Protein backbone atom coordinates (compact mmCIF):
# COMPACT_ATOMS: atom_id res chain seq x y z
CA UNK A 1 -0.14 0.07 -0.03
CA UNK A 2 1.46 2.97 -0.96
CA UNK A 3 0.08 6.34 1.40
CA UNK A 4 0.10 9.75 0.65
CA UNK A 5 -0.39 12.76 3.00
CA UNK A 6 -4.38 13.64 2.56
CA UNK A 7 -3.12 16.94 2.85
CA UNK A 8 -0.09 17.69 0.79
CA UNK A 9 0.28 14.69 -1.05
CA UNK A 10 3.99 13.87 0.03
CA UNK A 11 4.64 10.23 0.37
CA UNK A 12 4.50 8.37 3.49
CA UNK A 13 6.32 5.06 2.44
CA UNK A 14 8.95 5.10 5.04
CA UNK A 15 5.77 5.07 7.73
CA UNK A 16 5.19 1.93 9.64
CA UNK A 17 1.71 0.71 10.09
CA UNK A 18 -0.44 0.94 11.49
CA UNK A 19 -0.08 4.50 11.71
CA UNK A 20 0.32 5.67 15.48
CA UNK A 21 -1.76 8.35 16.99
CA UNK A 22 0.20 11.11 16.85
CA UNK A 23 2.08 10.43 13.49
CA UNK A 24 2.50 13.58 11.53
CA UNK A 25 2.96 13.90 7.59
CA UNK A 26 7.29 14.56 7.67
CA UNK A 27 5.97 17.03 4.59
CA UNK A 28 3.36 19.48 6.37
CA UNK A 29 3.45 18.71 9.82
CA UNK A 30 -0.38 17.84 9.30
CA UNK A 31 -1.95 15.08 11.75
CA UNK A 32 -2.82 11.96 10.04
CA UNK A 33 -4.63 10.01 12.59
CA UNK A 34 -8.02 11.86 10.92
CA UNK A 35 -10.92 11.47 9.54
CA UNK A 36 -9.83 12.62 5.86
CA UNK A 37 -6.91 9.92 5.99
CA UNK A 38 -9.41 6.91 7.09
CA UNK A 39 -10.76 4.56 4.40
CA UNK A 40 -14.15 4.69 5.75
CA UNK A 41 -14.43 8.86 4.98
CA UNK A 42 -17.49 9.80 2.95
CA UNK A 43 -18.07 13.06 2.01
CA UNK A 44 -20.92 12.27 0.50
CA UNK A 45 -22.33 10.82 3.52
CA UNK A 46 -24.56 12.59 6.29
CA UNK A 47 -22.05 11.68 9.03
CA UNK A 48 -19.31 11.82 6.72
CA UNK A 49 -18.11 8.23 7.87
CA UNK A 50 -19.17 4.82 6.38
CA UNK A 51 -18.24 3.23 10.09
CA UNK A 52 -21.79 3.49 11.44
CA UNK A 53 -20.41 1.61 14.73
CA UNK A 54 -17.79 4.94 14.92
CA UNK A 55 -18.45 7.55 16.87
CA UNK A 56 -18.99 10.99 15.42
CA UNK A 57 -15.90 13.35 15.10
CA UNK A 58 -16.85 16.88 14.46
CA UNK A 59 -13.02 17.87 13.12
CA UNK A 60 -12.58 15.82 9.89
CA UNK A 61 -9.01 17.40 9.86
CA UNK A 62 -7.51 17.20 13.18
CA UNK A 63 -6.43 14.23 15.32
CA UNK A 64 -9.17 11.63 16.61
CA UNK A 65 -8.90 8.66 18.63
CA UNK A 66 -11.23 6.38 16.40
CA UNK A 67 -11.11 2.98 16.93
CA UNK A 68 -11.95 2.54 13.23
CA UNK A 69 -9.21 4.37 11.38
CA UNK A 70 -7.96 2.47 8.67
CA UNK A 71 -5.44 4.85 6.26
CA UNK A 72 -6.63 4.70 3.02
CA UNK A 73 -4.20 5.43 -0.34
CA UNK A 74 -6.06 7.67 -2.04
CA UNK A 75 -6.50 10.08 0.94
CA UNK A 76 -4.80 13.18 -1.64
CA UNK A 77 -7.05 14.70 -3.72
CA UNK A 78 -4.85 16.64 -5.36
CA UNK A 79 -5.06 20.64 -6.24
CA UNK A 80 -3.58 23.11 -4.36
CA UNK A 81 -1.49 26.00 -5.23
CA UNK A 82 0.11 24.53 -8.52
CA UNK A 83 -3.81 23.72 -9.59
CA UNK A 84 -4.83 27.24 -8.96
CA UNK A 85 -1.80 28.89 -10.95
CA UNK A 86 -2.61 27.13 -13.80
CA UNK A 87 -5.82 27.46 -13.97
CA UNK A 88 -5.32 31.12 -13.65
CA UNK A 89 -2.96 31.18 -16.73
CA UNK A 90 -5.25 29.67 -18.59
CA UNK A 91 -8.27 31.91 -17.95
CA UNK A 92 -5.55 35.08 -18.44
CA UNK A 93 -5.09 33.65 -21.77
CA UNK A 94 -8.47 33.14 -23.32
CA UNK A 95 -9.46 36.90 -21.72
CA UNK A 96 -6.37 38.24 -23.37
CA UNK A 97 -7.42 40.49 -26.32
CA UNK A 98 -6.10 39.73 -29.26
CA UNK A 99 -4.49 42.74 -30.06
CA UNK A 100 -2.78 43.55 -27.10
CA UNK A 101 0.69 44.55 -27.60
CA UNK A 102 3.99 44.94 -25.37
CA UNK A 103 3.76 48.63 -24.76
CA UNK A 104 7.04 49.32 -25.47
CA UNK A 105 6.82 49.27 -28.95
């Protein structure tokens, strides 16, 4: 299983499983024993958890003591600053007037 940090996408290949409660990402230092990193996490469900016996956790991005926690490899969804910059560049190119020329000419 090839794990990645749920927040920054950094590889967690060197970490021992099961992840301890206090484990943090070596890159961004975010907690890893969180709902967003768990295979039971489902953003489309009411309680955002597929495990019906699990206690409700209000903050899905902070350390919790859920006994049902199992890390999932696909927790990182991508995006972030790089995606925003590429989107901004595409929009700038789309809306640039065709007759815009360098002002120094």
